[in-house]
Amino acid sequence: MATLSSLLPEPTQVTYDQVGSFQPTSRAVVSTKFQPPPYGHRKGFIPRAERDFGDGGAFPEIPVVQFPLGMGKSKKKSEALAVQLDSDGKIKYDAIARQGHSKDRVVHSKYQQLVPKEILNEDDPDLQRPDEEKIKEQTESTRLALEKLTNEKISAAMPVKRAEQRAPAQYIRYTPSQQGTTFNSGAKQRVIRMVEMQKDPMEPPKFKTNKKLPRGPPSPPAPVMHSPNRKVTVKEQQDWKVPPCISNWKNAKGHTIPLDKRLAADGRGLQSVHINENFAKLAEALYIADRK
């Protein structure tokens, strides 16, 4: 026979009276930590999550790719861009086109950037053409730069390099900060002759010049300007309506197809009706023969 104490749930707090004796109840904490099967009993066991390793290393007898504690797993970097707003509070979609480019790269992504600027002052010095002296100066600097590049290419292609001419010696006069007979052999000033060190023309290159650099970002995409959205008229909807394809040989489901739909699918309505003029000649000849 079930008693009342057996039907009631166990009390959450331990209470005792003065007469009865105190008997604490034991509540052992059950460990939920996962332990992998021991060695020799791992047939069919495949570690996939970090908890399958049990704070240990990989299992060499299991021929699968294993990453215990996440070691060796490549971390993928997210290429998502943060949402940026312009001065008007609108989203700057040109950040996608500017990704990977420098801040000085010109990227046209707005309609305002394609509209030509209005010239307010024709006498602006930035809009004036350069004079003859400026043109000659720029031409001479360009010629010297191209000549320098050409000479470097020619000298690099030659099997034997000639010794480069050294710059003239420079004489530098300086006064030491510490004066006296015990410093600088009693001299108040010194003159230094500075000469450029001679380079050996047969010396091999010290640095590797064939190092492959990563390819830079491609050119920014060309701006595509769309016309403003407008509502589609009824005539445009009818022009875009394509009739269903109806076969003249197969009708698996046995539908009754009207003749106008069959002719529309056949394309006969798109053909212009042309009557041969011989029909008129034949009709006229029959009419004349009937009168005779």
Protein backbone atom coordinates (compact mmCIF):
# COMPACT_ATOMS: atom_id res chain seq x y z
CA MET A 1 0.00 0.00 0.00
CA ALA A 2 1.43 3.38 -1.09
CA THR A 3 1.91 5.90 1.67
CA LEU A 4 1.45 9.64 1.46
CA SER A 5 5.20 10.33 1.74
CA SER A 6 5.94 8.11 -1.27
CA LEU A 7 3.43 10.00 -3.42
CA LEU A 8 4.72 13.48 -2.54
CA PRO A 9 7.87 14.85 -4.28
CA GLU A 10 11.16 15.03 -2.45
CA PRO A 11 11.63 18.31 -0.52
CA THR A 12 14.12 20.79 -1.93
CA GLN A 13 15.31 22.00 1.50
CA VAL A 14 16.47 19.70 4.27
CA THR A 15 14.42 20.18 7.46
CA TYR A 16 14.51 18.32 10.73
CA ASP A 17 12.78 18.64 14.06
CA GLN A 18 14.20 18.52 17.54
CA VAL A 19 13.06 14.97 18.15
CA GLY A 20 14.15 13.32 14.91
CA SER A 21 17.78 12.86 13.90
CA PHE A 22 19.29 14.78 10.98
CA GLN A 23 20.08 12.55 7.97
CA PRO A 24 21.49 14.51 5.02
CA THR A 25 20.73 13.19 1.55
CA SER A 26 23.57 12.70 -0.91
CA ARG A 27 23.25 14.37 -4.30
CA ALA A 28 26.09 13.39 -6.56
CA VAL A 29 26.72 15.52 -9.66
CA VAL A 30 26.64 13.39 -12.80
CA SER A 31 29.46 14.25 -15.20
CA THR A 32 28.28 14.95 -18.77
CA LYS A 33 31.79 15.18 -20.23
CA PHE A 34 32.16 13.08 -23.38
CA GLN A 35 34.96 10.54 -23.41
CA PRO A 36 36.11 8.90 -26.65
CA PRO A 37 36.14 5.10 -26.77
CA PRO A 38 39.38 3.48 -25.57
CA TYR A 39 42.09 2.23 -27.87
CA GLY A 40 41.11 -0.95 -29.68
CA HIS A 41 37.38 -0.20 -29.49
CA ARG A 42 37.20 2.69 -31.97
CA LYS A 43 35.83 0.80 -34.95
CA GLY A 44 33.26 2.97 -36.70
CA PHE A 45 34.07 5.99 -34.51
CA ILE A 46 34.72 9.17 -36.55
CA PRO A 47 35.66 12.34 -34.61
CA ARG A 48 33.97 15.36 -36.16
CA ALA A 49 33.46 17.90 -33.36
CA GLU A 50 35.98 19.18 -30.81
CA ARG A 51 34.25 17.37 -27.97
CA ASP A 52 34.87 14.02 -29.72
CA PHE A 53 38.58 14.29 -28.87
CA GLY A 54 38.01 14.62 -25.12
CA ASP A 55 40.65 17.33 -24.53
CA GLY A 56 43.22 15.13 -26.26
CA GLY A 57 45.02 14.80 -29.55
CA ALA A 58 44.14 13.14 -32.83
CA PHE A 59 43.61 9.42 -33.34
CA PRO A 60 46.25 8.16 -35.82
CA GLU A 61 44.47 4.84 -36.42
CA ILE A 62 41.39 6.62 -37.86
CA PRO A 63 42.12 7.61 -41.51
CA VAL A 64 40.14 10.87 -41.61
CA VAL A 65 41.12 14.53 -41.47
CA GLN A 66 41.14 15.57 -37.81
CA PHE A 67 41.47 18.96 -36.14
CA PRO A 68 41.77 18.42 -32.37
CA LEU A 69 41.00 21.61 -30.44
CA GLY A 70 40.72 23.41 -33.79
CA MET A 71 44.47 23.15 -34.49
CA GLY A 72 45.39 23.29 -38.18
CA LYS A 73 41.96 24.39 -39.35
CA SER A 74 42.16 27.31 -41.75
CA LYS A 75 40.21 30.33 -40.63
CA LYS A 76 38.35 31.96 -43.50
CA LYS A 77 38.41 35.72 -43.47
CA SER A 78 35.17 37.43 -44.28
CA GLU A 79 35.24 39.71 -47.31
CA ALA A 80 32.03 41.46 -46.36
CA LEU A 81 32.20 45.25 -46.36
CA ALA A 82 30.78 47.40 -43.63
CA VAL A 83 27.83 49.57 -44.58
CA GLN A 84 28.97 53.16 -45.15
CA LEU A 85 26.77 56.24 -45.48
CA ASP A 86 27.44 59.46 -47.35
CA SER A 87 26.69 63.01 -46.26
CA ASP A 88 23.02 62.62 -47.27
CA GLY A 89 22.56 59.46 -45.21
CA LYS A 90 22.39 57.15 -48.25
CA ILE A 91 24.31 53.90 -48.59
CA LYS A 92 27.61 54.24 -50.46
CA TYR A 93 27.45 51.42 -52.99
CA ASP A 94 30.69 52.57 -54.63
CA ALA A 95 32.60 50.97 -51.73
CA ILE A 96 32.29 47.66 -53.61
CA ALA A 97 34.01 49.13 -56.67
CA ARG A 98 36.70 50.79 -54.53
CA GLN A 99 37.60 47.59 -52.70
CA GLY A 100 41.29 46.81 -53.15
CA HIS A 101 42.14 50.16 -54.76
CA SER A 102 43.94 53.10 -53.23
CA LYS A 103 42.09 56.14 -51.99
CA ASP A 104 43.49 58.20 -54.88
CA ARG A 105 41.95 55.92 -57.53
CA VAL A 106 39.23 57.66 -59.52
CA VAL A 107 36.07 55.54 -59.64
CA HIS A 108 32.96 56.97 -61.33
CA SER A 109 29.86 55.42 -59.80
CA LYS A 110 27.34 58.27 -59.67
CA TYR A 111 25.42 60.22 -62.26
CA GLN A 112 26.78 63.52 -60.96
CA GLN A 113 30.33 62.37 -61.69
CA LEU A 114 29.56 61.88 -65.40
CA VAL A 115 27.98 65.29 -65.93
CA PRO A 116 30.52 67.83 -67.28
CA LYS A 117 31.39 70.64 -64.92
CA GLU A 118 30.19 74.10 -65.70
CA ILE A 119 32.96 76.59 -66.48
CA LEU A 120 32.28 79.65 -64.35
CA ASN A 121 35.46 81.58 -65.08
CA GLU A 122 37.26 81.22 -68.41
CA ASP A 123 40.29 83.14 -67.08
CA ASP A 124 41.00 80.50 -64.46
CA PRO A 125 44.77 79.71 -64.54
CA ASP A 126 44.05 75.99 -64.23
CA LEU A 127 42.18 76.08 -67.55
CA GLN A 128 44.81 77.99 -69.51
CA ARG A 129 47.11 76.23 -71.95
CA PRO A 130 50.83 76.15 -71.04
CA ASP A 131 53.21 78.57 -72.72
CA GLU A 132 56.15 77.63 -74.94
CA GLU A 133 58.68 77.73 -72.10
CA LYS A 134 56.62 75.32 -70.01
CA ILE A 135 56.21 72.98 -72.98
CA LYS A 136 59.96 72.92 -73.65
CA GLU A 137 60.70 72.24 -69.98
CA GLN A 138 58.28 69.31 -69.82
CA THR A 139 59.57 67.94 -73.13
CA GLU A 140 63.18 68.04 -71.94
CA SER A 141 62.36 66.33 -68.62
CA THR A 142 60.42 63.62 -70.47
CA ARG A 143 63.29 63.08 -72.91
CA LEU A 144 65.82 62.70 -70.10
CA ALA A 145 63.59 60.23 -68.25
CA LEU A 146 63.09 58.10 -71.37
CA GLU A 147 66.81 58.24 -72.17
CA LYS A 148 67.66 57.04 -68.67
CA LEU A 149 65.26 54.09 -68.95
CA THR A 150 66.65 53.19 -72.38
CA ASN A 151 70.25 53.26 -71.19
CA GLU A 152 69.39 51.03 -68.24
CA LYS A 153 67.73 48.49 -70.56
CA ILE A 154 70.71 48.53 -72.94
CA SER A 155 73.29 48.17 -70.17
CA ALA A 156 71.36 45.30 -68.58
CA ALA A 157 71.24 43.42 -71.91
CA MET A 158 74.99 43.73 -72.55
CA PRO A 159 77.09 40.69 -71.53
CA VAL A 160 79.86 42.83 -69.98
CA LYS A 161 79.04 45.96 -68.06
CA ARG A 162 81.41 48.84 -68.09
CA ALA A 163 82.31 50.52 -64.84
CA GLU A 164 80.00 53.35 -63.97
CA GLN A 165 81.48 56.79 -63.71
CA ARG A 166 81.83 57.97 -60.19
CA ALA A 167 80.60 61.32 -59.03
CA PRO A 168 83.26 63.98 -58.37
CA ALA A 169 84.80 64.12 -54.92
CA GLN A 170 83.23 66.39 -52.32
CA TYR A 171 85.16 68.33 -49.69
CA ILE A 172 83.44 69.01 -46.39
CA ARG A 173 84.83 71.38 -43.78
CA TYR A 174 83.61 71.04 -40.21
CA THR A 175 84.53 72.42 -36.81
CA PRO A 176 84.64 69.92 -33.91
CA SER A 177 82.58 70.76 -30.84
CA GLN A 178 85.44 69.82 -28.48
CA GLN A 179 88.31 72.26 -28.83
CA GLY A 180 91.70 71.95 -27.21
CA THR A 181 95.17 70.52 -27.60
CA THR A 182 94.06 67.10 -26.37
CA PHE A 183 91.32 66.73 -29.01
CA ASN A 184 91.70 66.34 -32.80
CA SER A 185 95.50 66.66 -32.58
CA GLY A 186 95.08 70.30 -31.65
CA ALA A 187 93.36 71.21 -34.94
CA LYS A 188 90.45 73.64 -34.81
CA GLN A 189 88.94 72.57 -38.15
CA ARG A 190 89.08 69.51 -40.36
CA VAL A 191 88.48 68.92 -44.07
CA ILE A 192 86.94 65.60 -45.22
CA ARG A 193 87.22 64.33 -48.79
CA MET A 194 84.16 62.18 -49.61
CA VAL A 195 84.48 59.87 -52.64
CA GLU A 196 81.85 57.46 -53.98
CA MET A 197 82.85 53.82 -53.56
CA GLN A 198 83.88 52.04 -56.74
CA LYS A 199 81.51 49.24 -57.83
CA ASP A 200 82.76 45.99 -59.30
CA PRO A 201 81.16 45.51 -62.76
CA MET A 202 81.54 41.70 -62.52
CA GLU A 203 79.88 41.43 -59.13
CA PRO A 204 76.67 39.34 -59.23
CA PRO A 205 73.43 40.98 -58.11
CA LYS A 206 72.92 41.08 -54.36
CA PHE A 207 69.13 41.05 -54.42
CA LYS A 208 66.62 38.85 -56.21
CA THR A 209 64.81 40.81 -58.89
CA ASN A 210 62.63 37.99 -60.24
CA LYS A 211 60.38 37.83 -57.23
CA LYS A 212 56.76 37.37 -58.29
CA LEU A 213 54.50 39.96 -56.77
CA PRO A 214 50.78 39.35 -56.25
CA ARG A 215 48.59 40.70 -58.98
CA GLY A 216 46.91 43.99 -58.16
CA PRO A 217 43.19 44.61 -58.27
CA PRO A 218 41.63 44.94 -61.73
CA SER A 219 40.34 48.16 -63.17
CA PRO A 220 37.14 49.45 -61.61
CA PRO A 221 34.00 48.53 -63.52
CA ALA A 222 32.50 50.99 -65.94
CA PRO A 223 29.47 52.85 -64.59
CA VAL A 224 26.12 51.52 -65.82
CA MET A 225 23.41 54.17 -65.65
CA HIS A 226 19.81 52.95 -65.72
CA SER A 227 16.83 54.96 -66.86
CA PRO A 228 14.24 55.87 -64.20
CA ASN A 229 11.54 53.33 -63.48
CA ARG A 230 8.27 53.80 -65.34
CA LYS A 231 5.00 51.90 -65.42
CA VAL A 232 4.41 49.38 -68.20
CA THR A 233 1.50 50.27 -70.47
CA VAL A 234 -1.18 47.82 -71.62
CA LYS A 235 0.18 47.83 -75.18
CA GLU A 236 3.68 46.91 -73.96
CA GLN A 237 2.21 44.09 -71.87
CA GLN A 238 0.39 42.71 -74.91
CA ASP A 239 3.52 43.01 -77.05
CA TRP A 240 5.52 41.04 -74.49
CA LYS A 241 2.86 38.33 -74.20
CA VAL A 242 4.23 35.17 -75.79
CA PRO A 243 1.63 32.56 -76.87
CA PRO A 244 2.13 29.03 -75.55
CA CYS A 245 3.81 26.47 -77.75
CA ILE A 246 1.22 24.12 -79.27
CA SER A 247 2.32 21.08 -81.23
CA ASN A 248 0.47 19.91 -84.35
CA TRP A 249 1.53 16.31 -83.79
CA LYS A 250 1.45 15.63 -80.04
CA ASN A 251 -1.43 16.10 -77.61
CA ALA A 252 -0.67 13.66 -74.80
CA LYS A 253 -3.36 14.95 -72.42
CA GLY A 254 -6.03 15.18 -75.11
CA HIS A 255 -6.95 18.83 -74.59
CA THR A 256 -9.33 20.54 -77.00
CA ILE A 257 -7.27 23.34 -78.54
CA PRO A 258 -9.17 26.16 -80.31
CA LEU A 259 -8.26 26.91 -83.90
CA ASP A 260 -7.23 30.49 -83.18
CA LYS A 261 -4.70 29.27 -80.57
CA ARG A 262 -3.38 26.66 -82.97
CA LEU A 263 -3.03 29.21 -85.76
CA ALA A 264 -1.37 31.68 -83.38
CA ALA A 265 1.18 29.04 -82.42
CA ASP A 266 1.66 28.13 -86.07
CA GLY A 267 2.71 31.67 -86.94
CA ARG A 268 0.33 32.10 -89.85
CA GLY A 269 -0.96 35.36 -88.47
CA LEU A 270 2.48 36.88 -88.90
CA GLN A 271 2.56 36.11 -92.63
CA SER A 272 1.20 38.59 -95.15
CA VAL A 273 -1.44 37.24 -97.57
CA HIS A 274 -0.30 37.56 -101.18
CA ILE A 275 -2.62 36.55 -104.06
CA ASN A 276 -1.09 35.75 -107.40
CA GLU A 277 -2.25 37.98 -110.28
CA ASN A 278 -2.86 34.92 -112.46
CA PHE A 279 -6.04 34.26 -110.46
CA ALA A 280 -7.45 37.56 -111.72
CA LYS A 281 -6.47 36.74 -115.31
CA LEU A 282 -8.11 33.30 -115.04
CA ALA A 283 -11.31 34.77 -113.61
CA GLU A 284 -11.45 37.38 -116.39
CA ALA A 285 -10.88 34.75 -119.09
CA LEU A 286 -13.66 32.55 -117.67
CA TYR A 287 -16.02 35.54 -117.54
CA ILE A 288 -15.34 36.43 -121.21
CA ALA A 289 -15.76 32.82 -122.30
CA ASP A 290 -19.06 32.58 -120.44
CA ARG A 291 -20.44 35.66 -122.22
CA LYS A 292 -19.54 34.28 -125.62
